C-alpha atoms as a PDB file:
ATOM      1  CA  UNK A   1     127.733   6.531  62.566  1.00  0.00           C
ATOM      2  CA  UNK A   2     129.919   3.419  62.606  1.00  0.00           C
ATOM      3  CA  UNK A   3     132.266   2.780  59.709  1.00  0.00           C
ATOM      4  CA  UNK A   4     133.259  -0.750  58.845  1.00  0.00           C
ATOM      5  CA  UNK A   5     136.856  -1.595  57.908  1.00  0.00           C
ATOM      6  CA  UNK A   6     137.738  -4.643  55.833  1.00  0.00           C
ATOM      7  CA  UNK A   7     141.315  -5.964  55.679  1.00  0.00           C
ATOM      8  CA  UNK A   8     141.767  -8.155  52.594  1.00  0.00           C
ATOM      9  CA  UNK A   9     144.899 -10.262  52.275  1.00  0.00           C
ATOM     10  CA  UNK A  10     145.479  -9.690  48.558  1.00  0.00           C
ATOM     11  CA  UNK A  11     145.022  -6.891  46.006  1.00  0.00           C
ATOM     12  CA  UNK A  12     142.577  -9.114  44.119  1.00  0.00           C
ATOM     13  CA  UNK A  13     140.339  -9.344  47.183  1.00  0.00           C
ATOM     14  CA  UNK A  14     140.541  -5.594  47.760  1.00  0.00           C
ATOM     15  CA  UNK A  15     139.646  -4.776  44.165  1.00  0.00           C
ATOM     16  CA  UNK A  16     136.744  -7.220  44.219  1.00  0.00           C
ATOM     17  CA  UNK A  17     135.367  -5.565  47.359  1.00  0.00           C
ATOM     18  CA  UNK A  18     135.718  -2.096  45.852  1.00  0.00           C
ATOM     19  CA  UNK A  19     133.979  -3.195  42.654  1.00  0.00           C
ATOM     20  CA  UNK A  20     131.031  -4.693  44.555  1.00  0.00           C
ATOM     21  CA  UNK A  21     130.627  -2.382  47.531  1.00  0.00           C
ATOM     22  CA  UNK A  22     129.557   1.177  46.861  1.00  0.00           C
ATOM     23  CA  UNK A  23     130.919   3.926  49.122  1.00  0.00           C
ATOM     24  CA  UNK A  24     133.856   1.851  50.347  1.00  0.00           C
ATOM     25  CA  UNK A  25     137.171   3.675  50.086  1.00  0.00           C
ATOM     26  CA  UNK A  26     140.722   2.296  50.087  1.00  0.00           C
ATOM     27  CA  UNK A  27     142.956   3.440  52.935  1.00  0.00           C
ATOM     28  CA  UNK A  28     146.679   2.978  53.578  1.00  0.00           C
ATOM     29  CA  UNK A  29     148.447   5.453  55.870  1.00  0.00           C
ATOM     30  CA  UNK A  30     145.216   7.356  56.402  1.00  0.00           C
ATOM     31  CA  UNK A  31     146.896  10.747  56.844  1.00  0.00           C
ATOM     32  CA  UNK A  32     144.729  12.370  54.165  1.00  0.00           C
ATOM     33  CA  UNK A  33     141.623  10.201  54.426  1.00  0.00           C
ATOM     34  CA  UNK A  34     141.075  10.786  58.140  1.00  0.00           C
ATOM     35  CA  UNK A  35     141.391  14.553  57.747  1.00  0.00           C
ATOM     36  CA  UNK A  36     138.843  14.518  54.914  1.00  0.00           C
ATOM     37  CA  UNK A  37     136.552  12.303  56.983  1.00  0.00           C
ATOM     38  CA  UNK A  38     136.587  14.706  59.933  1.00  0.00           C
ATOM     39  CA  UNK A  39     135.910  17.657  57.629  1.00  0.00           C
ATOM     40  CA  UNK A  40     132.973  15.877  56.024  1.00  0.00           C
ATOM     41  CA  UNK A  41     134.561  15.905  52.566  1.00  0.00           C
ATOM     42  CA  UNK A  42     134.020  12.155  52.261  1.00  0.00           C
ATOM     43  CA  UNK A  43     131.167  10.045  53.645  1.00  0.00           C
ATOM     44  CA  UNK A  44     132.113   6.381  53.212  1.00  0.00           C
ATOM     45  CA  UNK A  45     130.241   3.550  54.850  1.00  0.00           C
ATOM     46  CA  UNK A  46     133.453   1.537  55.024  1.00  0.00           C
ATOM     47  CA  UNK A  47     137.167   1.370  54.333  1.00  0.00           C
ATOM     48  CA  UNK A  48     139.261  -1.243  52.569  1.00  0.00           C
ATOM     49  CA  UNK A  49     142.577  -1.458  54.431  1.00  0.00           C
ATOM     50  CA  UNK A  50     145.527  -2.044  52.078  1.00  0.00           C
ATOM     51  CA  UNK A  51     148.197  -2.398  54.755  1.00  0.00           C
ATOM     52  CA  UNK A  52     148.565  -6.184  54.428  1.00  0.00           C
ATOM     53  CA  UNK A  53     150.009  -5.993  50.896  1.00  0.00           C
ATOM     54  CA  UNK A  54     153.677  -6.458  51.771  1.00  0.00           C
ATOM     55  CA  UNK A  55     154.770  -6.578  48.124  1.00  0.00           C
ATOM     56  CA  UNK A  56     153.516  -3.002  47.705  1.00  0.00           C
ATOM     57  CA  UNK A  57     155.873  -1.800  50.454  1.00  0.00           C
ATOM     58  CA  UNK A  58     159.100  -2.567  48.595  1.00  0.00           C
ATOM     59  CA  UNK A  59     161.670  -0.549  46.657  1.00  0.00           C
ATOM     60  CA  UNK A  60     163.641  -2.592  44.151  1.00  0.00           C
ATOM     61  CA  UNK A  61     165.749  -2.260  41.031  1.00  0.00           C
ATOM     62  CA  UNK A  62     164.690  -4.511  38.158  1.00  0.00           C
ATOM     63  CA  UNK A  63     167.205  -4.114  35.377  1.00  0.00           C
ATOM     64  CA  UNK A  64     167.165  -0.416  34.525  1.00  0.00           C
ATOM     65  CA  UNK A  65     163.803   0.260  36.196  1.00  0.00           C
ATOM     66  CA  UNK A  66     163.422   1.434  39.785  1.00  0.00           C
ATOM     67  CA  UNK A  67     160.084   0.181  41.144  1.00  0.00           C
ATOM     68  CA  UNK A  68     158.545   1.817  44.213  1.00  0.00           C
ATOM     69  CA  UNK A  69     155.483   0.219  45.785  1.00  0.00           C
ATOM     70  CA  UNK A  70     152.561   2.546  46.413  1.00  0.00           C
ATOM     71  CA  UNK A  71     152.544   1.656  50.133  1.00  0.00           C
ATOM     72  CA  UNK A  72     156.139   2.780  50.661  1.00  0.00           C
ATOM     73  CA  UNK A  73     156.188   5.501  53.325  1.00  0.00           C
ATOM     74  CA  UNK A  74     157.835   8.890  53.062  1.00  0.00           C
ATOM     75  CA  UNK A  75     160.343   7.837  55.713  1.00  0.00           C
ATOM     76  CA  UNK A  76     161.366   4.879  53.567  1.00  0.00           C
ATOM     77  CA  UNK A  77     161.724   7.123  50.523  1.00  0.00           C
ATOM     78  CA  UNK A  78     163.878   9.538  52.476  1.00  0.00           C
ATOM     79  CA  UNK A  79     166.314   6.889  53.726  1.00  0.00           C
ATOM     80  CA  UNK A  80     166.449   4.165  51.081  1.00  0.00           C
ATOM     81  CA  UNK A  81     169.844   3.861  49.327  1.00  0.00           C
ATOM     82  CA  UNK A  82     168.301   3.147  45.902  1.00  0.00           C
ATOM     83  CA  UNK A  83     166.245   6.341  46.083  1.00  0.00           C
ATOM     84  CA  UNK A  84     169.246   8.373  47.216  1.00  0.00           C
ATOM     85  CA  UNK A  85     171.342   6.941  44.389  1.00  0.00           C
ATOM     86  CA  UNK A  86     168.964   7.075  41.429  1.00  0.00           C
ATOM     87  CA  UNK A  87     166.305   9.606  42.428  1.00  0.00           C
ATOM     88  CA  UNK A  88     167.840  11.893  45.063  1.00  0.00           C
ATOM     89  CA  UNK A  89     165.265  14.632  44.516  1.00  0.00           C
ATOM     90  CA  UNK A  90     162.580  12.198  45.703  1.00  0.00           C
ATOM     91  CA  UNK A  91     164.510  11.499  48.905  1.00  0.00           C
ATOM     92  CA  UNK A  92     164.719  15.251  49.450  1.00  0.00           C
ATOM     93  CA  UNK A  93     161.035  15.792  48.698  1.00  0.00           C
ATOM     94  CA  UNK A  94     159.927  12.967  50.982  1.00  0.00           C
ATOM     95  CA  UNK A  95     161.959  14.394  53.858  1.00  0.00           C
ATOM     96  CA  UNK A  96     160.083  17.696  53.472  1.00  0.00           C
ATOM     97  CA  UNK A  97     156.642  16.125  53.972  1.00  0.00           C
ATOM     98  CA  UNK A  98     154.844  17.025  57.196  1.00  0.00           C
ATOM     99  CA  UNK A  99     156.256  15.779  60.493  1.00  0.00           C
ATOM    100  CA  UNK A 100     158.129  12.570  61.396  1.00  0.00           C
ATOM    101  CA  UNK A 101     154.811  11.009  62.400  1.00  0.00           C
ATOM    102  CA  UNK A 102     153.241  11.855  59.038  1.00  0.00           C
ATOM    103  CA  UNK A 103     156.293  10.595  57.151  1.00  0.00           C
ATOM    104  CA  UNK A 104     156.170   7.320  59.077  1.00  0.00           C
ATOM    105  CA  UNK A 105     152.491   6.769  58.200  1.00  0.00           C
ATOM    106  CA  UNK A 106     151.858   8.535  54.908  1.00  0.00           C
ATOM    107  CA  UNK A 107     152.452   6.593  51.692  1.00  0.00           C
ATOM    108  CA  UNK A 108     153.651   7.547  48.243  1.00  0.00           C
ATOM    109  CA  UNK A 109     150.434   6.304  46.651  1.00  0.00           C
ATOM    110  CA  UNK A 110     148.323   8.405  48.974  1.00  0.00           C
ATOM    111  CA  UNK A 111     150.461  11.478  48.334  1.00  0.00           C
ATOM    112  CA  UNK A 112     149.923  11.141  44.589  1.00  0.00           C
ATOM    113  CA  UNK A 113     146.254  10.167  44.764  1.00  0.00           C
ATOM    114  CA  UNK A 114     145.439  13.257  46.839  1.00  0.00           C
ATOM    115  CA  UNK A 115     146.522  15.348  43.826  1.00  0.00           C
ATOM    116  CA  UNK A 116     147.488  18.367  45.882  1.00  0.00           C
ATOM    117  CA  UNK A 117     149.134  21.124  43.815  1.00  0.00           C
ATOM    118  CA  UNK A 118     151.688  21.398  46.642  1.00  0.00           C
ATOM    119  CA  UNK A 119     152.522  17.677  47.000  1.00  0.00           C
ATOM    120  CA  UNK A 120     156.244  17.406  47.736  1.00  0.00           C
ATOM    121  CA  UNK A 121     156.766  14.016  46.090  1.00  0.00           C
ATOM    122  CA  UNK A 122     155.135  14.899  42.772  1.00  0.00           C
ATOM    123  CA  UNK A 123     157.749  17.286  41.275  1.00  0.00           C
ATOM    124  CA  UNK A 124     160.677  14.887  41.889  1.00  0.00           C
ATOM    125  CA  UNK A 125     158.799  12.063  40.194  1.00  0.00           C
ATOM    126  CA  UNK A 126     157.825  14.294  37.272  1.00  0.00           C
ATOM    127  CA  UNK A 127     161.466  15.320  36.965  1.00  0.00           C
ATOM    128  CA  UNK A 128     162.410  11.643  36.686  1.00  0.00           C
ATOM    129  CA  UNK A 129     159.741  10.733  34.077  1.00  0.00           C
ATOM    130  CA  UNK A 130     157.892   8.425  36.464  1.00  0.00           C
ATOM    131  CA  UNK A 131     154.966   6.275  35.384  1.00  0.00           C
ATOM    132  CA  UNK A 132     152.293   4.498  37.416  1.00  0.00           C
ATOM    133  CA  UNK A 133     150.938   0.976  37.296  1.00  0.00           C
ATOM    134  CA  UNK A 134     147.225   0.924  38.139  1.00  0.00           C
ATOM    135  CA  UNK A 135     145.219  -2.210  38.911  1.00  0.00           C
ATOM    136  CA  UNK A 136     141.503  -2.938  38.697  1.00  0.00           C
ATOM    137  CA  UNK A 137     139.328  -5.998  39.364  1.00  0.00           C
ATOM    138  CA  UNK A 138     140.013  -9.241  37.515  1.00  0.00           C
ATOM    139  CA  UNK A 139     138.450  -9.993  34.157  1.00  0.00           C
ATOM    140  CA  UNK A 140     136.714 -13.263  33.244  1.00  0.00           C
ATOM    141  CA  UNK A 141     140.066 -15.054  33.054  1.00  0.00           C
ATOM    142  CA  UNK A 142     140.838 -14.150  36.654  1.00  0.00           C
ATOM    143  CA  UNK A 143     143.703 -11.825  35.747  1.00  0.00           C
ATOM    144  CA  UNK A 144     143.825  -8.390  37.328  1.00  0.00           C
ATOM    145  CA  UNK A 145     143.539  -5.602  34.784  1.00  0.00           C
ATOM    146  CA  UNK A 146     146.661  -3.467  34.566  1.00  0.00           C
ATOM    147  CA  UNK A 147     147.067   0.028  33.149  1.00  0.00           C
ATOM    148  CA  UNK A 148     150.158   2.199  32.904  1.00  0.00           C
ATOM    149  CA  UNK A 149     149.916   5.985  33.026  1.00  0.00           C
ATOM    150  CA  UNK A 150     152.666   8.575  32.773  1.00  0.00           C
ATOM    151  CA  UNK A 151     152.635  10.774  35.844  1.00  0.00           C
ATOM    152  CA  UNK A 152     152.405  13.814  33.551  1.00  0.00           C
ATOM    153  CA  UNK A 153     148.954  12.552  32.484  1.00  0.00           C
ATOM    154  CA  UNK A 154     147.792  11.471  35.943  1.00  0.00           C
ATOM    155  CA  UNK A 155     147.028  14.844  37.535  1.00  0.00           C
ATOM    156  CA  UNK A 156     143.888  16.445  36.089  1.00  0.00           C
ATOM    157  CA  UNK A 157     143.160  19.239  38.567  1.00  0.00           C
ATOM    158  CA  UNK A 158     143.083  20.095  42.250  1.00  0.00           C
ATOM    159  CA  UNK A 159     142.209  16.808  43.950  1.00  0.00           C
ATOM    160  CA  UNK A 160     141.472  15.166  40.575  1.00  0.00           C
ATOM    161  CA  UNK A 161     143.389  12.358  38.898  1.00  0.00           C
ATOM    162  CA  UNK A 162     143.074   9.871  36.054  1.00  0.00           C
ATOM    163  CA  UNK A 163     142.465   7.109  38.609  1.00  0.00           C
ATOM    164  CA  UNK A 164     139.265   5.342  37.575  1.00  0.00           C
ATOM    165  CA  UNK A 165     136.598   4.070  39.977  1.00  0.00           C
ATOM    166  CA  UNK A 166     137.717   0.945  41.830  1.00  0.00           C
ATOM    167  CA  UNK A 167     141.301   1.277  40.596  1.00  0.00           C
ATOM    168  CA  UNK A 168     144.388   1.190  42.843  1.00  0.00           C
ATOM    169  CA  UNK A 169     147.918   2.508  42.397  1.00  0.00           C
ATOM    170  CA  UNK A 170     150.186  -0.533  42.628  1.00  0.00           C
ATOM    171  CA  UNK A 171     153.609   1.030  42.022  1.00  0.00           C
ATOM    172  CA  UNK A 172     155.592   3.937  40.655  1.00  0.00           C
ATOM    173  CA  UNK A 173     158.387   3.189  38.190  1.00  0.00           C
ATOM    174  CA  UNK A 174     161.389   5.197  37.002  1.00  0.00           C
ATOM    175  CA  UNK A 175     163.808   4.351  34.203  1.00  0.00           C
ATOM    176  CA  UNK A 176     167.129   5.031  35.889  1.00  0.00           C
ATOM    177  CA  UNK A 177     169.929   7.120  34.433  1.00  0.00           C
ATOM    178  CA  UNK A 178     173.054   7.160  36.644  1.00  0.00           C
ATOM    179  CA  UNK A 179     174.291  10.271  34.812  1.00  0.00           C
ATOM    180  CA  UNK A 180     171.338  12.351  35.970  1.00  0.00           C
ATOM    181  CA  UNK A 181     171.767  14.822  38.795  1.00  0.00           C
ATOM    182  CA  UNK A 182     168.622  15.912  40.573  1.00  0.00           C
ATOM    183  CA  UNK A 183     167.632  18.272  43.344  1.00  0.00           C
ATOM    184  CA  UNK A 184     164.500  19.312  45.234  1.00  0.00           C
ATOM    185  CA  UNK A 185     163.946  22.758  46.713  1.00  0.00           C
ATOM    186  CA  UNK A 186     161.036  24.053  48.721  1.00  0.00           C
ATOM    187  CA  UNK A 187     159.947  27.329  50.231  1.00  0.00           C
ATOM    188  CA  UNK A 188     157.463  27.283  53.096  1.00  0.00           C
ATOM    189  CA  UNK A 189     156.422  29.486  55.981  1.00  0.00           C
ATOM    190  CA  UNK A 190     158.268  27.181  58.400  1.00  0.00           C
ATOM    191  CA  UNK A 191     161.076  24.651  58.202  1.00  0.00           C
ATOM    192  CA  UNK A 192     158.689  21.807  59.040  1.00  0.00           C
ATOM    193  CA  UNK A 193     154.963  21.062  58.906  1.00  0.00           C
ATOM    194  CA  UNK A 194     154.619  23.626  56.128  1.00  0.00           C
ATOM    195  CA  UNK A 195     152.614  23.402  52.924  1.00  0.00           C
ATOM    196  CA  UNK A 196     154.852  24.482  50.076  1.00  0.00           C
ATOM    197  CA  UNK A 197     154.508  28.043  48.854  1.00  0.00           C
ATOM    198  CA  UNK A 198     156.472  26.810  45.855  1.00  0.00           C
ATOM    199  CA  UNK A 199     158.429  23.608  45.405  1.00  0.00           C
ATOM    200  CA  UNK A 200     160.682  22.522  42.581  1.00  0.00           C
ATOM    201  CA  UNK A 201     162.530  19.478  41.314  1.00  0.00           C
ATOM    202  CA  UNK A 202     165.137  19.605  38.583  1.00  0.00           C
ATOM    203  CA  UNK A 203     166.985  16.716  36.972  1.00  0.00           C
ATOM    204  CA  UNK A 204     169.807  17.338  34.533  1.00  0.00           C
ATOM    205  CA  UNK A 205     172.073  15.099  32.495  1.00  0.00           C
ATOM    206  CA  UNK A 206     175.307  16.893  31.623  1.00  0.00           C
ATOM    207  CA  UNK A 207     177.841  15.905  28.988  1.00  0.00           C
ATOM    208  CA  UNK A 208     180.835  14.540  30.896  1.00  0.00           C
ATOM    209  CA  UNK A 209     183.332  16.326  28.658  1.00  0.00           C
ATOM    210  CA  UNK A 210     181.694  19.650  27.817  1.00  0.00           C
ATOM    211  CA  UNK A 211     179.174  20.072  30.676  1.00  0.00           C
ATOM    212  CA  UNK A 212     176.527  20.765  28.038  1.00  0.00           C
ATOM    213  CA  UNK A 213     172.979  19.998  29.175  1.00  0.00           C
ATOM    214  CA  UNK A 214     171.873  16.877  27.311  1.00  0.00           C
ATOM    215  CA  UNK A 215     168.523  16.358  29.003  1.00  0.00           C
ATOM    216  CA  UNK A 216     166.558  18.522  31.400  1.00  0.00           C
ATOM    217  CA  UNK A 217     163.426  18.117  33.458  1.00  0.00           C
ATOM    218  CA  UNK A 218     161.968  20.999  35.470  1.00  0.00           C
ATOM    219  CA  UNK A 219     158.854  20.382  37.583  1.00  0.00           C
ATOM    220  CA  UNK A 220     157.098  22.774  39.960  1.00  0.00           C
ATOM    221  CA  UNK A 221     154.396  22.482  42.590  1.00  0.00           C
ATOM    222  CA  UNK A 222     152.087  25.203  43.947  1.00  0.00           C
ATOM    223  CA  UNK A 223     152.269  27.335  40.795  1.00  0.00           C
ATOM    224  CA  UNK A 224     149.343  25.753  38.901  1.00  0.00           C
ATOM    225  CA  UNK A 225     146.263  23.616  39.651  1.00  0.00           C
ATOM    226  CA  UNK A 226     148.494  20.535  39.415  1.00  0.00           C
ATOM    227  CA  UNK A 227     152.187  19.752  39.805  1.00  0.00           C
ATOM    228  CA  UNK A 228     153.561  20.449  36.349  1.00  0.00           C
ATOM    229  CA  UNK A 229     156.623  20.249  34.146  1.00  0.00           C
ATOM    230  CA  UNK A 230     157.778  23.472  32.497  1.00  0.00           C
ATOM    231  CA  UNK A 231     158.619  22.140  29.066  1.00  0.00           C
ATOM    232  CA  UNK A 232     159.728  25.414  27.505  1.00  0.00           C
ATOM    233  CA  UNK A 233     162.414  25.746  30.159  1.00  0.00           C
ATOM    234  CA  UNK A 234     163.498  22.150  29.542  1.00  0.00           C
ATOM    235  CA  UNK A 235     163.729  22.742  25.794  1.00  0.00           C
ATOM    236  CA  UNK A 236     165.676  25.949  26.353  1.00  0.00           C
ATOM    237  CA  UNK A 237     168.233  24.273  28.631  1.00  0.00           C
ATOM    238  CA  UNK A 238     168.914  21.270  26.418  1.00  0.00           C
ATOM    239  CA  UNK A 239     171.923  21.818  24.185  1.00  0.00           C
ATOM    240  CA  UNK A 240     173.222  24.739  26.233  1.00  0.00           C
ATOM    241  CA  UNK A 241     175.934  25.202  28.832  1.00  0.00           C
ATOM    242  CA  UNK A 242     174.682  26.087  32.309  1.00  0.00           C
ATOM    243  CA  UNK A 243     176.341  29.481  32.499  1.00  0.00           C
ATOM    244  CA  UNK A 244     174.898  32.493  34.321  1.00  0.00           C
ATOM    245  CA  UNK A 245     173.280  33.918  31.197  1.00  0.00           C
ATOM    246  CA  UNK A 246     171.454  30.661  30.481  1.00  0.00           C
ATOM    247  CA  UNK A 247     170.392  30.254  34.116  1.00  0.00           C
ATOM    248  CA  UNK A 248     169.034  33.798  34.213  1.00  0.00           C
ATOM    249  CA  UNK A 249     167.145  33.405  30.935  1.00  0.00           C
ATOM    250  CA  UNK A 250     165.687  30.058  32.009  1.00  0.00           C
ATOM    251  CA  UNK A 251     164.328  31.656  35.182  1.00  0.00           C
ATOM    252  CA  UNK A 252     162.760  34.434  33.102  1.00  0.00           C
ATOM    253  CA  UNK A 253     161.008  31.923  30.821  1.00  0.00           C
ATOM    254  CA  UNK A 254     159.297  30.468  33.885  1.00  0.00           C
ATOM    255  CA  UNK A 255     157.331  33.692  34.364  1.00  0.00           C
ATOM    256  CA  UNK A 256     155.351  33.142  31.156  1.00  0.00           C
ATOM    257  CA  UNK A 257     154.699  29.470  31.840  1.00  0.00           C
ATOM    258  CA  UNK A 258     153.217  29.427  35.345  1.00  0.00           C
ATOM    259  CA  UNK A 259     149.853  30.460  36.760  1.00  0.00           C
ATOM    260  CA  UNK A 260     150.174  30.806  40.549  1.00  0.00           C
ATOM    261  CA  UNK A 261     147.325  32.052  42.709  1.00  0.00           C
ATOM    262  CA  UNK A 262     147.168  34.411  45.656  1.00  0.00           C
ATOM    263  CA  UNK A 263     145.932  32.852  48.895  1.00  0.00           C
ATOM    264  CA  UNK A 264     146.440  33.111  52.651  1.00  0.00           C
ATOM    265  CA  UNK A 265     149.981  31.752  52.413  1.00  0.00           C
ATOM    266  CA  UNK A 266     151.416  33.865  49.593  1.00  0.00           C
ATOM    267  CA  UNK A 267     150.562  36.264  46.798  1.00  0.00           C
ATOM    268  CA  UNK A 268     150.820  35.460  43.107  1.00  0.00           C
ATOM    269  CA  UNK A 269     153.675  37.946  42.799  1.00  0.00           C
ATOM    270  CA  UNK A 270     155.650  36.347  45.620  1.00  0.00           C
ATOM    271  CA  UNK A 271     155.180  32.853  44.172  1.00  0.00           C
ATOM    272  CA  UNK A 272     156.473  34.089  40.816  1.00  0.00           C
ATOM    273  CA  UNK A 273     159.531  35.490  42.562  1.00  0.00           C
ATOM    274  CA  UNK A 274     160.090  32.219  44.428  1.00  0.00           C
ATOM    275  CA  UNK A 275     159.811  30.192  41.219  1.00  0.00           C
ATOM    276  CA  UNK A 276     162.594  32.249  39.651  1.00  0.00           C
ATOM    277  CA  UNK A 277     164.849  32.125  42.703  1.00  0.00           C
ATOM    278  CA  UNK A 278     164.394  28.400  43.291  1.00  0.00           C
ATOM    279  CA  UNK A 279     165.132  27.543  39.656  1.00  0.00           C
ATOM    280  CA  UNK A 280     168.274  29.662  39.662  1.00  0.00           C
ATOM    281  CA  UNK A 281     169.444  28.030  42.898  1.00  0.00           C
ATOM    282  CA  UNK A 282     168.745  24.525  41.597  1.00  0.00           C
ATOM    283  CA  UNK A 283     170.594  25.047  38.324  1.00  0.00           C
ATOM    284  CA  UNK A 284     173.581  26.674  40.018  1.00  0.00           C
ATOM    285  CA  UNK A 285     173.775  23.823  42.518  1.00  0.00           C
ATOM    286  CA  UNK A 286     173.640  21.128  39.852  1.00  0.00           C
ATOM    287  CA  UNK A 287     176.257  22.983  37.828  1.00  0.00           C
ATOM    288  CA  UNK A 288     178.821  23.651  40.494  1.00  0.00           C
ATOM    289  CA  UNK A 289     178.143  22.102  43.888  1.00  0.00           C
ATOM    290  CA  UNK A 290     179.617  18.822  44.998  1.00  0.00           C
ATOM    291  CA  UNK A 291     176.536  18.552  47.191  1.00  0.00           C
ATOM    292  CA  UNK A 292     174.165  18.094  44.234  1.00  0.00           C
ATOM    293  CA  UNK A 293     172.221  14.909  44.784  1.00  0.00           C
ATOM    294  CA  UNK A 294     172.440  15.169  48.564  1.00  0.00           C
ATOM    295  CA  UNK A 295     169.867  16.743  50.848  1.00  0.00           C
ATOM    296  CA  UNK A 296     169.568  20.454  50.213  1.00  0.00           C
ATOM    297  CA  UNK A 297     166.672  22.604  51.249  1.00  0.00           C
ATOM    298  CA  UNK A 298     166.530  26.368  51.101  1.00  0.00           C
ATOM    299  CA  UNK A 299     164.197  28.809  52.793  1.00  0.00           C
ATOM    300  CA  UNK A 300     163.786  32.253  51.274  1.00  0.00           C
ATOM    301  CA  UNK A 301     162.426  35.211  53.209  1.00  0.00           C
END
């Protein structure tokens, strides 16, 4: 069966095609779509290629908002100075995705739209309160319809999102806070090309004088049907000093807030253990290490 590919020049053209043509799917890097196609999970009659939208491939700071186009690749996320400065956990997470070839092709929008519980870019974005701008076909005035969704509300289940039919992710936005420190940690069966057994992103704002935690975000992957923030841990950390007692208690709270599964890669019990260990390591690093905010990745046996 032949599959037709259309390459519109503008988002408006792409959205019009998607609204008129049934069983056409958008494609960017194609790293997920082609796998699903070979497995028979999707049966499109055509693709709408988004790769000509240069404006969606940019990373820019607009005032206090960091805007990341949905077609930005993982390699760009890993290396870009704005990401390293204002969202270092995302740089770390992007560098943990797949292989160099996958990172050069795969896009941020595709990573989020796939809604994998183990997606490495999702926890860092959750930890930085990211929100999405979604576009759909123009109304009668000719203006594209725009909708903003907090990333916390975007993931609905394994492979399920709040993305409506014929809607595209245009960009991901983050309100920057230079005082935030963030980190990403991942445990996998290998150091590369490994689906996360558990991954974690933590962002913390500490009082400059007292080192008290003013604001905390803790987001895990692979411990629930979707990447998820652990709000009870966040609430517990805020207003407290990051001493060993607090770090230990925070890691214990996690146990009551997660619902990992057992599968071929790891048991539920082992994932619970990893969640505790990763959170402890992240909090200790943010508290004491001069390397917080730089690349750090730990493997636990």
